[in-house]
Amino acid sequence: MIKLFLKEYLDEMSTVCRDNQNNVSIAVNPDSERQGYPYFKFYNSVYYGDAAKVVRILFNSADYVDNKNAEDQKLWKLSHKEKKLLKELLSSPSAEYSDMTIWEACKFEWNFEYLEQSINLDKYVNGEYDKDKTFTENPGYVPYSLEMPDYLELNFC
């Protein structure tokens, strides 16, 4: 627990999906050093502290985010099978948000953690923030209307 606390602030990390069957997880963890590059993390463990590998993937394109890993986790270049699993997970229903997919929950959780102001789930889902320049002009904002890229085509950028 102490190691986890020292590596990343707990209030800045949100695990959106844990898949026990495949031993993977998806989380969002905005980094103030990466302004304008919204991404999520895919771990090869249900608990990030136990993961040997992690990959950061952009929301708005099928590209990996190059990163130096403070946690000594290896950069994970996904196989076709792993890309397919990721896409299936992102398309599946969210356990926390009953009317959302994991993809939609990732976008909401990213904005909730990243933005300096609170956002309301209903307003986000209804697209109100997608029409507000306060949000749309922020390079780190991920619109609700953003379609999921084809992550089977993931590339290093």
C-alpha atoms as a PDB file:
ATOM      1  CA  MET A   1       0.000   0.000   0.000  1.00  0.00           C
ATOM      2  CA  ILE A   2       2.798   2.424   0.822  1.00  0.00           C
ATOM      3  CA  LYS A   3       4.508   1.688  -2.500  1.00  0.00           C
ATOM      4  CA  LEU A   4       1.254   2.439  -4.316  1.00  0.00           C
ATOM      5  CA  PHE A   5       0.837   5.722  -2.458  1.00  0.00           C
ATOM      6  CA  LEU A   6       4.353   6.885  -3.245  1.00  0.00           C
ATOM      7  CA  LYS A   7       4.174   6.033  -6.937  1.00  0.00           C
ATOM      8  CA  GLU A   8       0.877   7.708  -7.845  1.00  0.00           C
ATOM      9  CA  TYR A   9      -1.583   9.779  -5.915  1.00  0.00           C
ATOM     10  CA  LEU A  10      -4.575   7.656  -5.037  1.00  0.00           C
ATOM     11  CA  ASP A  11      -7.082  10.416  -5.745  1.00  0.00           C
ATOM     12  CA  GLU A  12      -5.696  10.801  -9.267  1.00  0.00           C
ATOM     13  CA  MET A  13      -6.074   7.188 -10.372  1.00  0.00           C
ATOM     14  CA  SER A  14      -9.280   5.507 -11.345  1.00  0.00           C
ATOM     15  CA  THR A  15      -9.467   1.832 -12.234  1.00  0.00           C
ATOM     16  CA  VAL A  16     -12.345   1.573 -14.685  1.00  0.00           C
ATOM     17  CA  CYS A  17     -12.235  -2.168 -15.362  1.00  0.00           C
ATOM     18  CA  ARG A  18     -10.767  -5.264 -13.747  1.00  0.00           C
ATOM     19  CA  ASP A  19     -11.059  -8.469 -15.751  1.00  0.00           C
ATOM     20  CA  ASN A  20     -10.198 -11.342 -13.414  1.00  0.00           C
ATOM     21  CA  GLN A  21     -10.679 -13.976 -16.111  1.00  0.00           C
ATOM     22  CA  ASN A  22      -7.960 -12.470 -18.321  1.00  0.00           C
ATOM     23  CA  ASN A  23      -5.967 -10.866 -15.482  1.00  0.00           C
ATOM     24  CA  VAL A  24      -5.958  -7.366 -17.002  1.00  0.00           C
ATOM     25  CA  SER A  25      -7.221  -3.946 -15.973  1.00  0.00           C
ATOM     26  CA  ILE A  26      -7.932  -0.549 -17.493  1.00  0.00           C
ATOM     27  CA  ALA A  27      -7.329   2.693 -15.615  1.00  0.00           C
ATOM     28  CA  VAL A  28      -7.119   6.421 -16.163  1.00  0.00           C
ATOM     29  CA  ASN A  29      -4.437   8.442 -14.466  1.00  0.00           C
ATOM     30  CA  PRO A  30      -4.046  11.980 -15.822  1.00  0.00           C
ATOM     31  CA  ASP A  31      -0.493  13.282 -15.714  1.00  0.00           C
ATOM     32  CA  SER A  32       0.080  17.032 -15.541  1.00  0.00           C
ATOM     33  CA  GLU A  33       3.238  16.510 -17.637  1.00  0.00           C
ATOM     34  CA  ARG A  34       1.144  15.258 -20.588  1.00  0.00           C
ATOM     35  CA  GLN A  35      -1.157  18.181 -21.258  1.00  0.00           C
ATOM     36  CA  GLY A  36      -3.207  17.586 -24.392  1.00  0.00           C
ATOM     37  CA  TYR A  37      -2.555  13.852 -24.667  1.00  0.00           C
ATOM     38  CA  PRO A  38      -5.543  12.127 -23.048  1.00  0.00           C
ATOM     39  CA  TYR A  39      -4.884   8.421 -22.641  1.00  0.00           C
ATOM     40  CA  PHE A  40      -5.840   5.379 -20.614  1.00  0.00           C
ATOM     41  CA  LYS A  41      -3.677   2.579 -19.251  1.00  0.00           C
ATOM     42  CA  PHE A  42      -3.994  -1.133 -19.904  1.00  0.00           C
ATOM     43  CA  TYR A  43      -2.225  -3.381 -17.367  1.00  0.00           C
ATOM     44  CA  ASN A  44      -1.394  -7.079 -17.557  1.00  0.00           C
ATOM     45  CA  SER A  45      -2.808  -7.578 -14.064  1.00  0.00           C
ATOM     46  CA  VAL A  46      -6.054  -6.787 -12.277  1.00  0.00           C
ATOM     47  CA  TYR A  47      -3.999  -4.703  -9.819  1.00  0.00           C
ATOM     48  CA  TYR A  48      -1.623  -2.141 -11.249  1.00  0.00           C
ATOM     49  CA  GLY A  49       0.934  -2.714  -8.497  1.00  0.00           C
ATOM     50  CA  ASP A  50       1.222  -6.363  -9.535  1.00  0.00           C
ATOM     51  CA  ALA A  51       1.516  -5.611 -13.251  1.00  0.00           C
ATOM     52  CA  ALA A  52       4.774  -6.398 -15.020  1.00  0.00           C
ATOM     53  CA  LYS A  53       3.649  -4.527 -18.159  1.00  0.00           C
ATOM     54  CA  VAL A  54       1.578  -1.454 -18.929  1.00  0.00           C
ATOM     55  CA  VAL A  55       0.622   0.376 -22.076  1.00  0.00           C
ATOM     56  CA  ARG A  56      -0.738   3.902 -22.417  1.00  0.00           C
ATOM     57  CA  ILE A  57      -3.148   4.363 -25.308  1.00  0.00           C
ATOM     58  CA  LEU A  58      -4.546   7.606 -26.686  1.00  0.00           C
ATOM     59  CA  PHE A  59      -8.295   8.145 -26.582  1.00  0.00           C
ATOM     60  CA  ASN A  60      -8.502  10.002 -29.888  1.00  0.00           C
ATOM     61  CA  SER A  61      -6.391   7.711 -32.086  1.00  0.00           C
ATOM     62  CA  ALA A  62      -5.117   4.150 -32.220  1.00  0.00           C
ATOM     63  CA  ASP A  63      -1.666   5.113 -30.966  1.00  0.00           C
ATOM     64  CA  TYR A  64       0.479   4.195 -28.005  1.00  0.00           C
ATOM     65  CA  VAL A  65       1.864   6.927 -25.757  1.00  0.00           C
ATOM     66  CA  ASP A  66       5.626   6.684 -25.368  1.00  0.00           C
ATOM     67  CA  ASN A  67       6.474   6.792 -21.695  1.00  0.00           C
ATOM     68  CA  LYS A  68       9.303   6.241 -19.282  1.00  0.00           C
ATOM     69  CA  ASN A  69       7.880   4.066 -16.575  1.00  0.00           C
ATOM     70  CA  ALA A  70       8.512   5.035 -12.966  1.00  0.00           C
ATOM     71  CA  GLU A  71       7.107   1.706 -11.785  1.00  0.00           C
ATOM     72  CA  ASP A  72       9.716  -0.385 -13.657  1.00  0.00           C
ATOM     73  CA  GLN A  73       6.951  -1.932 -15.737  1.00  0.00           C
ATOM     74  CA  LYS A  74       7.902  -2.938 -19.255  1.00  0.00           C
ATOM     75  CA  LEU A  75       6.357  -1.092 -22.176  1.00  0.00           C
ATOM     76  CA  TRP A  76       3.795  -3.482 -23.530  1.00  0.00           C
ATOM     77  CA  LYS A  77       3.343  -3.765 -27.280  1.00  0.00           C
ATOM     78  CA  LEU A  78       0.056  -5.605 -27.604  1.00  0.00           C
ATOM     79  CA  SER A  79      -0.326  -8.703 -29.731  1.00  0.00           C
ATOM     80  CA  HIS A  80      -3.333  -9.011 -32.038  1.00  0.00           C
ATOM     81  CA  LYS A  81      -5.045 -11.219 -29.443  1.00  0.00           C
ATOM     82  CA  GLU A  82      -4.433  -8.623 -26.702  1.00  0.00           C
ATOM     83  CA  LYS A  83      -5.701  -5.799 -28.933  1.00  0.00           C
ATOM     84  CA  LYS A  84      -8.850  -7.822 -29.570  1.00  0.00           C
ATOM     85  CA  LEU A  85      -9.310  -8.372 -25.820  1.00  0.00           C
ATOM     86  CA  LEU A  86      -8.848  -4.643 -25.180  1.00  0.00           C
ATOM     87  CA  LYS A  87     -11.430  -3.738 -27.811  1.00  0.00           C
ATOM     88  CA  GLU A  88     -13.899  -6.286 -26.400  1.00  0.00           C
ATOM     89  CA  LEU A  89     -13.411  -4.974 -22.862  1.00  0.00           C
ATOM     90  CA  LEU A  90     -13.880  -1.349 -23.901  1.00  0.00           C
ATOM     91  CA  SER A  91     -17.097  -2.300 -25.717  1.00  0.00           C
ATOM     92  CA  SER A  92     -18.529  -4.235 -22.778  1.00  0.00           C
ATOM     93  CA  PRO A  93     -20.901  -2.801 -20.148  1.00  0.00           C
ATOM     94  CA  SER A  94     -19.398  -0.863 -17.266  1.00  0.00           C
ATOM     95  CA  ALA A  95     -19.863  -2.403 -13.821  1.00  0.00           C
ATOM     96  CA  GLU A  96     -19.946   1.034 -12.198  1.00  0.00           C
ATOM     97  CA  TYR A  97     -22.115   2.961 -14.666  1.00  0.00           C
ATOM     98  CA  SER A  98     -25.163   0.924 -15.626  1.00  0.00           C
ATOM     99  CA  ASP A  99     -25.945   2.685 -18.915  1.00  0.00           C
ATOM    100  CA  MET A 100     -22.367   3.027 -20.157  1.00  0.00           C
ATOM    101  CA  THR A 101     -19.731   0.910 -21.804  1.00  0.00           C
ATOM    102  CA  ILE A 102     -16.267   0.721 -20.313  1.00  0.00           C
ATOM    103  CA  TRP A 103     -15.121   2.999 -23.170  1.00  0.00           C
ATOM    104  CA  GLU A 104     -17.642   5.661 -22.124  1.00  0.00           C
ATOM    105  CA  ALA A 105     -16.753   5.199 -18.451  1.00  0.00           C
ATOM    106  CA  CYS A 106     -13.046   5.657 -19.277  1.00  0.00           C
ATOM    107  CA  LYS A 107     -13.769   8.955 -21.019  1.00  0.00           C
ATOM    108  CA  PHE A 108     -15.903  10.205 -18.134  1.00  0.00           C
ATOM    109  CA  GLU A 109     -13.407   9.113 -15.471  1.00  0.00           C
ATOM    110  CA  TRP A 110     -10.543  10.736 -17.401  1.00  0.00           C
ATOM    111  CA  ASN A 111     -12.383  14.065 -17.488  1.00  0.00           C
ATOM    112  CA  PHE A 112     -13.456  13.724 -13.867  1.00  0.00           C
ATOM    113  CA  GLU A 113      -9.818  13.246 -12.803  1.00  0.00           C
ATOM    114  CA  TYR A 114      -8.209  15.628 -15.318  1.00  0.00           C
ATOM    115  CA  LEU A 115     -10.396  18.713 -15.341  1.00  0.00           C
ATOM    116  CA  GLU A 116      -9.973  21.345 -12.662  1.00  0.00           C
ATOM    117  CA  GLN A 117     -13.731  21.612 -12.233  1.00  0.00           C
ATOM    118  CA  SER A 118     -16.243  18.923 -11.362  1.00  0.00           C
ATOM    119  CA  ILE A 119     -18.340  17.484 -14.137  1.00  0.00           C
ATOM    120  CA  ASN A 120     -21.817  16.063 -13.854  1.00  0.00           C
ATOM    121  CA  LEU A 121     -22.375  12.590 -15.307  1.00  0.00           C
ATOM    122  CA  ASP A 122     -25.817  13.376 -16.759  1.00  0.00           C
ATOM    123  CA  LYS A 123     -24.603  16.584 -18.420  1.00  0.00           C
ATOM    124  CA  TYR A 124     -21.599  14.723 -19.841  1.00  0.00           C
ATOM    125  CA  VAL A 125     -23.722  11.890 -21.260  1.00  0.00           C
ATOM    126  CA  ASN A 126     -26.227  14.376 -22.698  1.00  0.00           C
ATOM    127  CA  GLY A 127     -23.384  16.093 -24.581  1.00  0.00           C
ATOM    128  CA  GLU A 128     -23.675  19.443 -22.806  1.00  0.00           C
ATOM    129  CA  TYR A 129     -19.936  19.691 -22.174  1.00  0.00           C
ATOM    130  CA  ASP A 130     -19.194  18.749 -25.791  1.00  0.00           C
ATOM    131  CA  LYS A 131     -20.840  22.054 -26.812  1.00  0.00           C
ATOM    132  CA  ASP A 132     -19.151  24.222 -24.158  1.00  0.00           C
ATOM    133  CA  LYS A 133     -15.988  26.044 -25.289  1.00  0.00           C
ATOM    134  CA  THR A 134     -14.646  25.922 -21.741  1.00  0.00           C
ATOM    135  CA  PHE A 135     -14.281  22.187 -22.275  1.00  0.00           C
ATOM    136  CA  THR A 136     -13.829  21.807 -26.032  1.00  0.00           C
ATOM    137  CA  GLU A 137     -10.919  24.256 -26.136  1.00  0.00           C
ATOM    138  CA  ASN A 138      -9.122  22.295 -23.418  1.00  0.00           C
ATOM    139  CA  PRO A 139      -6.746  19.890 -25.232  1.00  0.00           C
ATOM    140  CA  GLY A 140      -7.125  17.345 -22.435  1.00  0.00           C
ATOM    141  CA  TYR A 141     -10.915  17.133 -22.590  1.00  0.00           C
ATOM    142  CA  VAL A 142     -12.309  13.886 -24.012  1.00  0.00           C
ATOM    143  CA  PRO A 143     -15.766  14.439 -25.559  1.00  0.00           C
ATOM    144  CA  TYR A 144     -18.569  12.011 -24.819  1.00  0.00           C
ATOM    145  CA  SER A 145     -19.247  11.946 -28.562  1.00  0.00           C
ATOM    146  CA  LEU A 146     -15.716  10.683 -29.340  1.00  0.00           C
ATOM    147  CA  GLU A 147     -16.026   7.317 -31.072  1.00  0.00           C
ATOM    148  CA  MET A 148     -13.646   4.555 -30.082  1.00  0.00           C
ATOM    149  CA  PRO A 149     -10.759   4.266 -32.568  1.00  0.00           C
ATOM    150  CA  ASP A 150     -10.044   0.875 -34.066  1.00  0.00           C
ATOM    151  CA  TYR A 151      -7.582  -0.321 -31.461  1.00  0.00           C
ATOM    152  CA  LEU A 152      -6.816  -3.385 -33.564  1.00  0.00           C
ATOM    153  CA  GLU A 153      -4.698  -0.909 -35.565  1.00  0.00           C
ATOM    154  CA  LEU A 154      -2.616   0.322 -32.586  1.00  0.00           C
ATOM    155  CA  ASN A 155       0.705   1.923 -33.566  1.00  0.00           C
ATOM    156  CA  PHE A 156       3.534   3.699 -31.784  1.00  0.00           C
ATOM    157  CA  CYS A 157       3.345   7.447 -32.432  1.00  0.00           C
END
